[in-house]
Amino acid sequence: MNVMNAPRLTIPNAMQQVDNDGKLTLKTSYPYLDKQANAFIDFVQRRIK
């Protein structure tokens, strides 16, 4: 049985990545979050084929 850790997306230093309206911009964290999300999608896709 293949097991993957529970997917979780953490945003380090989130309060330092907000715009003037207080909305999260993810300028620094986006590439890291994108890699995490893509790894999870790839993992799932390999198991449903």
N, C-alpha and C. Protein backbone atom coordinates (compact mmCIF):
# COMPACT_ATOMS: atom_id res chain seq x y z
N MET A 1 0.85 -1.18 0.00
CA MET A 1 0.00 0.00 0.00
C MET A 1 0.90 1.24 0.00
N ASN A 2 0.61 2.15 -0.89
CA ASN A 2 1.35 3.40 -0.96
C ASN A 2 0.72 4.42 -0.02
N VAL A 3 1.55 5.10 0.72
CA VAL A 3 1.07 6.06 1.69
C VAL A 3 1.79 7.39 1.49
N MET A 4 1.06 8.45 1.56
CA MET A 4 1.65 9.79 1.50
C MET A 4 1.22 10.53 2.74
N ASN A 5 2.09 11.35 3.26
CA ASN A 5 1.71 12.17 4.40
C ASN A 5 0.45 12.96 4.08
N ALA A 6 -0.29 13.29 5.10
CA ALA A 6 -1.49 14.10 4.90
C ALA A 6 -1.08 15.41 4.24
N PRO A 7 -1.76 15.76 3.15
CA PRO A 7 -1.38 17.01 2.48
C PRO A 7 -1.66 18.21 3.38
N ARG A 8 -0.69 19.06 3.47
CA ARG A 8 -0.87 20.27 4.25
C ARG A 8 -0.06 21.37 3.59
N LEU A 9 -0.61 22.48 3.51
CA LEU A 9 0.07 23.61 2.89
C LEU A 9 0.33 24.64 3.98
N THR A 10 1.57 24.75 4.35
CA THR A 10 1.94 25.73 5.35
C THR A 10 2.49 26.96 4.65
N ILE A 11 2.22 28.09 5.21
CA ILE A 11 2.69 29.35 4.63
C ILE A 11 3.58 30.03 5.66
N PRO A 12 4.90 29.84 5.50
CA PRO A 12 5.81 30.48 6.44
C PRO A 12 5.81 31.99 6.27
N ASN A 13 5.91 32.70 7.37
CA ASN A 13 5.96 34.16 7.36
C ASN A 13 4.77 34.79 6.63
N ALA A 14 3.60 34.23 6.84
CA ALA A 14 2.41 34.69 6.13
C ALA A 14 2.11 36.16 6.38
N MET A 15 2.32 36.62 7.58
CA MET A 15 1.99 38.02 7.87
C MET A 15 2.94 38.99 7.18
N GLN A 16 4.04 38.50 6.67
CA GLN A 16 4.97 39.35 5.92
C GLN A 16 4.68 39.32 4.42
N GLN A 17 3.65 38.58 4.02
CA GLN A 17 3.31 38.43 2.61
C GLN A 17 1.91 38.95 2.32
N VAL A 18 1.54 40.03 2.94
CA VAL A 18 0.22 40.62 2.72
C VAL A 18 0.37 41.96 2.00
N ASP A 19 -0.68 42.32 1.25
CA ASP A 19 -0.66 43.61 0.58
C ASP A 19 -1.23 44.68 1.50
N ASN A 20 -1.45 45.86 0.98
CA ASN A 20 -1.95 46.97 1.79
C ASN A 20 -3.35 46.73 2.34
N ASP A 21 -4.11 45.84 1.69
CA ASP A 21 -5.46 45.52 2.15
C ASP A 21 -5.47 44.34 3.12
N GLY A 22 -4.30 43.80 3.42
CA GLY A 22 -4.22 42.66 4.33
C GLY A 22 -4.46 41.33 3.67
N LYS A 23 -4.51 41.32 2.33
CA LYS A 23 -4.73 40.06 1.60
C LYS A 23 -3.39 39.38 1.33
N LEU A 24 -3.38 38.07 1.45
CA LEU A 24 -2.18 37.28 1.25
C LEU A 24 -1.78 37.32 -0.22
N THR A 25 -0.50 37.65 -0.49
CA THR A 25 -0.03 37.73 -1.87
C THR A 25 0.82 36.54 -2.28
N LEU A 26 1.44 35.85 -1.35
CA LEU A 26 2.24 34.64 -1.59
C LEU A 26 3.42 34.87 -2.53
N LYS A 27 3.98 36.04 -2.56
CA LYS A 27 5.12 36.31 -3.44
C LYS A 27 6.29 35.39 -3.14
N THR A 28 6.60 35.20 -1.88
CA THR A 28 7.74 34.36 -1.49
C THR A 28 7.36 32.89 -1.45
N SER A 29 6.20 32.55 -0.94
CA SER A 29 5.82 31.16 -0.70
C SER A 29 5.21 30.45 -1.90
N TYR A 30 4.79 31.19 -2.92
CA TYR A 30 4.08 30.55 -4.03
C TYR A 30 4.82 29.38 -4.66
N PRO A 31 6.11 29.53 -5.02
CA PRO A 31 6.80 28.38 -5.65
C PRO A 31 6.82 27.14 -4.76
N TYR A 32 7.00 27.32 -3.47
CA TYR A 32 7.01 26.21 -2.52
C TYR A 32 5.63 25.55 -2.45
N LEU A 33 4.59 26.35 -2.35
CA LEU A 33 3.23 25.82 -2.28
C LEU A 33 2.84 25.12 -3.58
N ASP A 34 3.27 25.67 -4.69
CA ASP A 34 2.98 25.08 -5.99
C ASP A 34 3.62 23.69 -6.10
N LYS A 35 4.86 23.55 -5.64
CA LYS A 35 5.54 22.25 -5.66
C LYS A 35 4.82 21.24 -4.77
N GLN A 36 4.37 21.68 -3.59
CA GLN A 36 3.65 20.77 -2.69
C GLN A 36 2.35 20.29 -3.33
N ALA A 37 1.60 21.21 -3.90
CA ALA A 37 0.32 20.85 -4.52
C ALA A 37 0.54 19.92 -5.70
N ASN A 38 1.52 20.21 -6.53
CA ASN A 38 1.79 19.36 -7.69
C ASN A 38 2.26 17.98 -7.28
N ALA A 39 3.05 17.88 -6.24
CA ALA A 39 3.50 16.57 -5.75
C ALA A 39 2.31 15.74 -5.28
N PHE A 40 1.37 16.36 -4.61
CA PHE A 40 0.19 15.63 -4.14
C PHE A 40 -0.66 15.17 -5.33
N ILE A 41 -0.87 16.04 -6.29
CA ILE A 41 -1.67 15.68 -7.48
C ILE A 41 -0.99 14.54 -8.23
N ASP A 42 0.32 14.61 -8.42
CA ASP A 42 1.05 13.53 -9.09
C ASP A 42 0.90 12.21 -8.34
N PHE A 43 1.01 12.26 -7.02
CA PHE A 43 0.88 11.07 -6.20
C PHE A 43 -0.49 10.42 -6.41
N VAL A 44 -1.54 11.22 -6.37
CA VAL A 44 -2.90 10.71 -6.53
C VAL A 44 -3.10 10.17 -7.94
N GLN A 45 -2.63 10.88 -8.94
CA GLN A 45 -2.81 10.44 -10.32
C GLN A 45 -2.13 9.11 -10.58
N ARG A 46 -0.97 8.88 -10.00
CA ARG A 46 -0.28 7.60 -10.20
C ARG A 46 -1.04 6.45 -9.57
N ARG A 47 -1.84 6.73 -8.55
CA ARG A 47 -2.56 5.65 -7.85
C ARG A 47 -3.91 5.36 -8.48
N ILE A 48 -4.45 6.24 -9.31
CA ILE A 48 -5.78 5.98 -9.88
C ILE A 48 -5.72 5.43 -11.29
N LYS A 49 -4.52 5.24 -11.83
CA LYS A 49 -4.39 4.68 -13.18
C LYS A 49 -4.52 3.18 -13.15
